């Protein structure tokens, strides 16, 4: 395993309760030294006297990937082969907020792909004519779904487990006397009624989250989606018809929210890539979470370019063509990332940081 970039300050920033038998060897994050000590660790290595070395990542922790079984059915979430993991995508993990996020962004991305066809097809083949109503309404629906998904992302970051859980293989050892009030809990292994269940956070001003890279990414993504939604709203045909001949108004309430919101998506995606990396300059290509963030990054570039090129669309047919094309490939990139995230949300990860399908 690669060594983790860490400093005394980062080690001191470890923020999750641990079972007394677990010893922390190292922890850190991928950020440059100038800002590293401000952010909590995103990777950590521990040692258990019964189970040896344990690897922990903040993304797997937040995404419920250390959950061994579904709470109600007790079905295993382990995938020993890639195709087994694909099969898990048919499950309805309604208890898992990470699953809801993946589903929302997958559905939203499908809507944006459909929107891309309606927008780009007339540019590629003018003979087919335009689809202003279909394009406008799919943009509004897609932006609205992305907004809801981004809100769920903030809730996910606020409601991650406080205690570090390392998965099925050592659950009995680590949870002795420590109750995890979350979907990953197994009350038969955690009988401690004296400890209250953790309350769901709809909103909090707790400053501890500002030191977590996952929350910072979710926060940026939420506000980016909120700003981007303005362009979705102004895409509604009746509104678009009233503003399309007013260049200043069109630029201000239609193209600018795309540029600003898309730029926010880029920043959020970069933060999520950094969360999975060991060094800020070294991509973690083999990480499923990194692939999710990377494809969202590509999609965000596409949506940003759509707005940026739209400023010149009225006077430059080439800019209009590229603007519409950017929506098309941007939507596909978001869809790829969302499907990866869907797969990630329903499959457990082992304590060596790999899913069973990735180990096979």
Protein backbone atom coordinates (compact mmCIF):
# COMPACT_ATOMS: atom_id res chain seq x y z
CA UNK A 1 0.00 0.00 0.00
CA UNK A 2 1.19 3.51 -0.77
CA UNK A 3 2.18 5.58 2.23
CA UNK A 4 -0.23 8.30 3.29
CA UNK A 5 0.78 11.97 3.25
CA UNK A 6 0.30 13.01 6.82
CA UNK A 7 1.41 15.55 9.39
CA UNK A 8 1.03 15.77 13.13
CA UNK A 9 -1.90 18.15 12.64
CA UNK A 10 -3.65 15.76 10.26
CA UNK A 11 -3.14 12.87 12.66
CA UNK A 12 -4.56 15.00 15.45
CA UNK A 13 -7.59 15.72 13.26
CA UNK A 14 -8.82 12.11 13.32
CA UNK A 15 -12.49 12.66 14.10
CA UNK A 16 -14.24 9.27 14.44
CA UNK A 17 -14.53 7.21 17.64
CA UNK A 18 -12.60 3.94 17.53
CA UNK A 19 -12.86 0.72 19.47
CA UNK A 20 -10.18 0.72 22.23
CA UNK A 21 -8.46 -2.28 20.68
CA UNK A 22 -7.84 -0.49 17.38
CA UNK A 23 -4.53 1.31 16.95
CA UNK A 24 -4.10 4.10 14.39
CA UNK A 25 -0.91 3.81 12.35
CA UNK A 26 -1.31 6.66 9.89
CA UNK A 27 -3.90 8.97 8.41
CA UNK A 28 -3.89 11.82 5.96
CA UNK A 29 -5.37 13.44 2.90
CA UNK A 30 -4.20 14.29 -0.58
CA UNK A 31 -4.19 18.07 -0.26
CA UNK A 32 -1.05 20.24 -0.57
CA UNK A 33 0.78 20.94 2.69
CA UNK A 34 -0.46 24.54 2.81
CA UNK A 35 -4.09 23.42 3.38
CA UNK A 36 -3.69 19.79 4.46
CA UNK A 37 -3.95 20.43 8.19
CA UNK A 38 -7.35 22.15 7.79
CA UNK A 39 -9.04 19.03 6.39
CA UNK A 40 -9.76 15.81 8.27
CA UNK A 41 -8.10 12.62 6.98
CA UNK A 42 -9.64 10.97 3.95
CA UNK A 43 -7.53 7.81 4.29
CA UNK A 44 -6.31 5.96 7.35
CA UNK A 45 -4.51 2.74 8.24
CA UNK A 46 -5.26 0.93 11.51
CA UNK A 47 -4.24 -2.25 13.23
CA UNK A 48 -6.52 -4.72 14.97
CA UNK A 49 -4.97 -7.39 17.22
CA UNK A 50 -7.42 -9.94 15.79
CA UNK A 51 -7.59 -8.85 12.15
CA UNK A 52 -4.32 -7.13 11.31
CA UNK A 53 -4.13 -4.09 9.06
CA UNK A 54 -7.33 -2.23 8.27
CA UNK A 55 -7.81 0.42 5.62
CA UNK A 56 -10.42 3.18 5.95
CA UNK A 57 -11.52 5.88 3.52
CA UNK A 58 -13.91 8.74 4.14
CA UNK A 59 -15.80 8.10 0.89
CA UNK A 60 -16.51 4.45 1.71
CA UNK A 61 -17.48 5.53 5.22
CA UNK A 62 -19.89 8.18 3.93
CA UNK A 63 -21.29 5.96 1.19
CA UNK A 64 -22.19 3.11 3.58
CA UNK A 65 -19.80 0.77 1.77
CA UNK A 66 -18.74 -0.92 5.01
CA UNK A 67 -22.31 -2.16 5.48
CA UNK A 68 -22.22 -5.94 5.31
CA UNK A 69 -25.90 -6.80 4.89
CA UNK A 70 -29.14 -5.06 4.06
CA UNK A 71 -30.90 -4.24 7.36
CA UNK A 72 -34.28 -5.89 6.68
CA UNK A 73 -33.50 -8.94 4.55
CA UNK A 74 -29.94 -9.48 5.84
CA UNK A 75 -28.88 -10.19 2.26
CA UNK A 76 -25.15 -10.00 1.72
CA UNK A 77 -23.87 -6.90 -0.05
CA UNK A 78 -20.60 -8.62 -0.99
CA UNK A 79 -19.94 -9.12 -4.68
CA UNK A 80 -17.30 -11.76 -5.39
CA UNK A 81 -17.54 -11.15 -9.12
CA UNK A 82 -18.20 -8.06 -11.19
CA UNK A 83 -21.44 -9.52 -12.58
CA UNK A 84 -22.64 -10.26 -9.05
CA UNK A 85 -22.19 -6.56 -8.33
CA UNK A 86 -24.22 -5.72 -11.43
CA UNK A 87 -26.97 -7.96 -10.09
CA UNK A 88 -27.02 -5.99 -6.85
CA UNK A 89 -28.12 -2.95 -8.85
CA UNK A 90 -31.59 -4.50 -9.10
CA UNK A 91 -32.02 -4.15 -5.33
CA UNK A 92 -34.10 -1.34 -3.85
CA UNK A 93 -31.92 -0.08 -1.02
CA UNK A 94 -34.46 2.44 0.22
CA UNK A 95 -32.67 2.62 3.60
CA UNK A 96 -29.46 3.80 1.96
CA UNK A 97 -29.30 7.53 1.19
CA UNK A 98 -26.28 6.89 -1.06
CA UNK A 99 -28.51 4.65 -3.20
CA UNK A 100 -31.10 7.42 -3.48
CA UNK A 101 -28.41 9.86 -4.59
CA UNK A 102 -27.17 7.45 -7.25
CA UNK A 103 -30.70 6.79 -8.53
CA UNK A 104 -31.58 10.49 -8.64
CA UNK A 105 -28.46 11.40 -10.59
CA UNK A 106 -28.89 8.42 -12.91
CA UNK A 107 -32.48 9.39 -13.72
CA UNK A 108 -31.49 13.05 -14.00
CA UNK A 109 -28.64 12.17 -16.35
CA UNK A 110 -30.96 10.11 -18.54
CA UNK A 111 -33.21 13.15 -18.83
CA UNK A 112 -30.18 15.27 -19.80
CA UNK A 113 -29.15 12.72 -22.43
CA UNK A 114 -32.65 12.94 -23.91
CA UNK A 115 -32.38 16.73 -23.74
CA UNK A 116 -29.04 16.49 -25.56
CA UNK A 117 -30.70 14.69 -28.46
CA UNK A 118 -33.44 17.31 -28.71
CA UNK A 119 -30.89 20.15 -28.58
CA UNK A 120 -28.10 18.76 -30.74
CA UNK A 121 -30.03 16.85 -33.42
CA UNK A 122 -31.31 20.01 -35.15
CA UNK A 123 -27.73 21.34 -35.26
CA UNK A 124 -26.45 18.09 -36.74
CA UNK A 125 -29.30 17.77 -39.23
CA UNK A 126 -31.35 20.97 -39.73
CA UNK A 127 -33.83 19.05 -41.87
CA UNK A 128 -35.36 17.38 -38.80
CA UNK A 129 -36.46 20.72 -37.35
CA UNK A 130 -36.25 21.95 -33.79
CA UNK A 131 -37.89 20.64 -30.62
CA UNK A 132 -38.20 23.76 -28.42
CA UNK A 133 -40.90 22.40 -26.11
CA UNK A 134 -39.25 19.02 -25.54
CA UNK A 135 -35.83 20.62 -25.08
CA UNK A 136 -37.17 23.19 -22.64
CA UNK A 137 -39.14 20.82 -20.44
CA UNK A 138 -36.43 18.15 -20.28
CA UNK A 139 -33.92 20.83 -19.24
CA UNK A 140 -36.24 21.93 -16.43
CA UNK A 141 -36.89 18.37 -15.25
CA UNK A 142 -33.20 17.41 -15.46
CA UNK A 143 -32.09 20.49 -13.52
CA UNK A 144 -34.76 19.87 -10.87
CA UNK A 145 -33.70 16.25 -10.36
CA UNK A 146 -30.06 17.31 -10.07
CA UNK A 147 -31.09 19.87 -7.43
CA UNK A 148 -32.83 17.20 -5.36
CA UNK A 149 -29.87 14.83 -5.75
CA UNK A 150 -27.49 17.56 -4.60
CA UNK A 151 -29.62 18.21 -1.51
CA UNK A 152 -29.52 14.50 -0.70
CA UNK A 153 -25.74 14.72 -1.03
CA UNK A 154 -25.61 17.32 1.74
CA UNK A 155 -27.83 15.14 3.95
CA UNK A 156 -25.57 12.18 3.25
CA UNK A 157 -22.50 14.14 4.41
CA UNK A 158 -24.26 15.40 7.54
CA UNK A 159 -25.51 11.94 8.49
CA UNK A 160 -22.44 9.77 7.98
CA UNK A 161 -21.64 7.51 10.93
CA UNK A 162 -19.77 9.17 13.75
CA UNK A 163 -17.96 5.95 14.67
CA UNK A 164 -15.65 4.20 12.22
CA UNK A 165 -17.02 0.83 11.11
CA UNK A 166 -14.68 -1.46 9.21
CA UNK A 167 -17.10 -3.94 7.76
CA UNK A 168 -18.39 -7.45 8.05
CA UNK A 169 -15.23 -9.40 8.85
CA UNK A 170 -14.58 -7.69 12.17
CA UNK A 171 -17.98 -6.24 13.02
CA UNK A 172 -18.41 -8.31 16.18
CA UNK A 173 -15.00 -7.29 17.52
CA UNK A 174 -15.28 -3.58 16.83
CA UNK A 175 -18.86 -3.05 17.94
CA UNK A 176 -18.56 -4.53 21.41
CA UNK A 177 -19.95 -1.86 23.71
CA UNK A 178 -20.32 0.64 20.86
CA UNK A 179 -23.63 1.17 19.13
CA UNK A 180 -23.71 2.47 15.56
CA UNK A 181 -27.16 3.96 15.11
CA UNK A 182 -27.19 3.65 11.34
CA UNK A 183 -28.24 1.25 8.57
CA UNK A 184 -24.90 -0.53 9.05
CA UNK A 185 -25.83 -1.52 12.59
CA UNK A 186 -26.71 -5.03 13.60
CA UNK A 187 -28.50 -4.84 16.94
CA UNK A 188 -27.83 -8.52 17.62
CA UNK A 189 -24.15 -7.63 17.74
CA UNK A 190 -24.73 -4.31 19.48
CA UNK A 191 -27.07 -4.80 22.41
CA UNK A 192 -26.71 -1.53 24.30
CA UNK A 193 -30.09 0.13 24.86
CA UNK A 194 -28.57 2.73 27.17
CA UNK A 195 -27.02 4.58 24.23
CA UNK A 196 -29.58 6.70 22.32
CA UNK A 197 -29.95 6.35 18.60
CA UNK A 198 -28.33 9.06 16.54
CA UNK A 199 -30.91 11.53 15.26
CA UNK A 200 -31.22 12.26 11.56
CA UNK A 201 -29.89 15.73 10.69
CA UNK A 202 -32.06 17.73 8.32
CA UNK A 203 -29.98 20.82 9.02
CA UNK A 204 -27.00 21.63 11.21
CA UNK A 205 -24.52 24.43 11.74
CA UNK A 206 -21.94 22.14 13.33
CA UNK A 207 -18.56 23.46 12.18
CA UNK A 208 -16.90 20.05 12.21
CA UNK A 209 -18.24 19.30 8.73
CA UNK A 210 -16.31 22.21 7.24
CA UNK A 211 -13.17 20.13 7.79
CA UNK A 212 -14.50 17.18 5.76
CA UNK A 213 -13.71 17.10 2.05
CA UNK A 214 -16.85 15.10 1.29
CA UNK A 215 -19.11 17.70 2.89
CA UNK A 216 -17.30 20.59 1.20
CA UNK A 217 -17.86 18.90 -2.17
CA UNK A 218 -21.54 18.28 -1.38
CA UNK A 219 -21.98 21.89 -0.21
CA UNK A 220 -20.44 23.30 -3.39
CA UNK A 221 -22.45 20.88 -5.53
CA UNK A 222 -25.71 21.89 -3.85
CA UNK A 223 -25.21 25.60 -4.48
CA UNK A 224 -23.98 24.89 -8.00
CA UNK A 225 -27.12 22.85 -8.68
CA UNK A 226 -29.27 25.62 -7.20
CA UNK A 227 -27.74 28.23 -9.49
CA UNK A 228 -27.84 25.87 -12.45
CA UNK A 229 -31.54 25.25 -11.77
CA UNK A 230 -32.23 28.89 -12.74
CA UNK A 231 -31.25 28.05 -16.31
CA UNK A 232 -33.50 25.00 -16.15
CA UNK A 233 -36.39 27.14 -14.98
CA UNK A 234 -35.84 29.72 -17.71
CA UNK A 235 -35.76 26.86 -20.23
CA UNK A 236 -39.50 26.35 -19.77
CA UNK A 237 -40.94 27.15 -23.21
CA UNK A 238 -43.27 29.98 -22.14
CA UNK A 239 -40.41 31.72 -20.29
CA UNK A 240 -37.85 31.03 -23.01
CA UNK A 241 -40.12 32.53 -25.65
CA UNK A 242 -40.31 35.80 -23.71
CA UNK A 243 -36.58 36.20 -23.09
CA UNK A 244 -34.94 34.78 -26.20
CA UNK A 245 -35.09 38.06 -28.12
CA UNK A 246 -33.61 40.06 -25.24
CA UNK A 247 -29.90 39.23 -25.42
CA UNK A 248 -28.96 40.81 -22.11
CA UNK A 249 -31.76 39.07 -20.21
CA UNK A 250 -31.09 35.76 -21.97
CA UNK A 251 -27.42 35.92 -21.07
CA UNK A 252 -28.19 36.89 -17.49
CA UNK A 253 -30.82 34.31 -16.54
CA UNK A 254 -30.15 31.47 -18.97
CA UNK A 255 -26.50 31.22 -20.00
CA UNK A 256 -24.82 32.72 -16.93
CA UNK A 257 -26.42 30.26 -14.45
CA UNK A 258 -25.13 27.46 -16.67
CA UNK A 259 -21.60 28.84 -16.56
CA UNK A 260 -21.61 29.53 -12.82
CA UNK A 261 -23.43 26.34 -11.89
CA UNK A 262 -21.30 24.24 -14.23
CA UNK A 263 -18.15 25.75 -12.77
CA UNK A 264 -19.40 24.78 -9.32
CA UNK A 265 -19.91 21.22 -10.55
CA UNK A 266 -16.30 21.22 -11.75
CA UNK A 267 -15.04 22.34 -8.33
CA UNK A 268 -17.16 19.75 -6.52
CA UNK A 269 -15.91 16.98 -8.81
CA UNK A 270 -12.28 17.99 -8.24
CA UNK A 271 -12.82 17.87 -4.47
CA UNK A 272 -14.34 14.40 -4.75
CA UNK A 273 -11.41 13.19 -6.86
CA UNK A 274 -9.00 14.56 -4.28
CA UNK A 275 -10.91 12.72 -1.56
CA UNK A 276 -10.04 9.38 -3.17
CA UNK A 277 -6.39 10.20 -3.96
CA UNK A 278 -3.28 9.67 -1.83
CA UNK A 279 -1.48 12.62 -3.45
CA UNK A 280 -3.12 15.68 -4.97
CA UNK A 281 -1.15 15.23 -8.21
CA UNK A 282 -1.63 11.45 -8.55
CA UNK A 283 -5.02 10.32 -9.99
CA UNK A 284 -6.52 7.24 -8.36
CA UNK A 285 -7.73 5.72 -11.61
CA UNK A 286 -8.42 2.28 -10.14
CA UNK A 287 -10.77 3.71 -7.51
CA UNK A 288 -14.46 3.43 -8.31
CA UNK A 289 -15.17 6.64 -6.39
CA UNK A 290 -12.52 8.46 -8.40
CA UNK A 291 -14.12 7.30 -11.65
CA UNK A 292 -17.49 8.62 -10.45
CA UNK A 293 -15.95 12.02 -9.72
CA UNK A 294 -13.94 12.07 -12.96
CA UNK A 295 -16.93 11.45 -15.22
CA UNK A 296 -18.91 14.05 -13.32
CA UNK A 297 -15.97 16.39 -13.92
CA UNK A 298 -16.21 15.72 -17.67
CA UNK A 299 -19.96 16.29 -17.60
CA UNK A 300 -19.50 19.51 -15.67
CA UNK A 301 -17.09 20.81 -18.31
CA UNK A 302 -19.68 20.03 -20.96
CA UNK A 303 -22.45 21.91 -19.17
CA UNK A 304 -20.17 24.87 -18.49
CA UNK A 305 -19.12 25.05 -22.13
CA UNK A 306 -22.76 24.91 -23.19
CA UNK A 307 -23.42 28.17 -21.37
CA UNK A 308 -20.11 29.81 -22.23
CA UNK A 309 -20.48 29.12 -25.95
CA UNK A 310 -24.13 30.11 -25.79
CA UNK A 311 -23.15 33.76 -25.36
CA UNK A 312 -21.92 33.77 -28.96
CA UNK A 313 -24.53 31.41 -30.40
CA UNK A 314 -26.66 34.15 -31.94
CA UNK A 315 -23.82 35.53 -34.05
CA UNK A 316 -21.71 32.44 -34.61
CA UNK A 317 -23.24 29.22 -35.94
CA UNK A 318 -20.11 27.30 -34.98
CA UNK A 319 -20.48 28.39 -31.36
CA UNK A 320 -24.13 27.36 -31.39
CA UNK A 321 -23.21 23.93 -32.78
CA UNK A 322 -20.52 23.37 -30.14
CA UNK A 323 -22.79 24.65 -27.36
CA UNK A 324 -25.47 22.11 -28.27
CA UNK A 325 -22.89 19.37 -28.70
CA UNK A 326 -21.48 20.11 -25.24
CA UNK A 327 -24.89 19.46 -23.71
CA UNK A 328 -25.04 16.15 -25.57
CA UNK A 329 -21.68 14.72 -24.49
CA UNK A 330 -21.90 16.34 -21.07
CA UNK A 331 -25.14 14.49 -20.36
CA UNK A 332 -23.57 11.19 -21.41
CA UNK A 333 -20.57 11.79 -19.14
CA UNK A 334 -22.87 12.48 -16.18
CA UNK A 335 -24.76 9.28 -16.98
CA UNK A 336 -21.58 7.18 -16.98
CA UNK A 337 -20.55 8.63 -13.62
CA UNK A 338 -24.03 8.11 -12.19
CA UNK A 339 -24.16 4.44 -13.22
CA UNK A 340 -20.76 3.89 -11.62
CA UNK A 341 -22.12 5.57 -8.48
CA UNK A 342 -25.17 3.31 -8.56
CA UNK A 343 -22.91 0.25 -8.68
CA UNK A 344 -20.80 1.70 -5.87
CA UNK A 345 -23.81 2.39 -3.64
CA UNK A 346 -25.07 -1.23 -3.53
CA UNK A 347 -21.78 -3.10 -3.16
CA UNK A 348 -19.71 -3.42 -0.02
CA UNK A 349 -16.00 -2.70 0.14
CA UNK A 350 -13.48 -4.82 2.01
CA UNK A 351 -11.07 -3.52 4.63
CA UNK A 352 -8.27 -3.60 2.07
CA UNK A 353 -10.17 -0.90 0.17
CA UNK A 354 -11.39 -3.14 -2.66
CA UNK A 355 -14.75 -4.68 -3.40
CA UNK A 356 -14.82 -8.43 -3.82
CA UNK A 357 -15.42 -7.98 -7.54
CA UNK A 358 -12.34 -5.76 -7.78
CA UNK A 359 -10.26 -8.36 -5.91
CA UNK A 360 -11.30 -11.22 -8.16
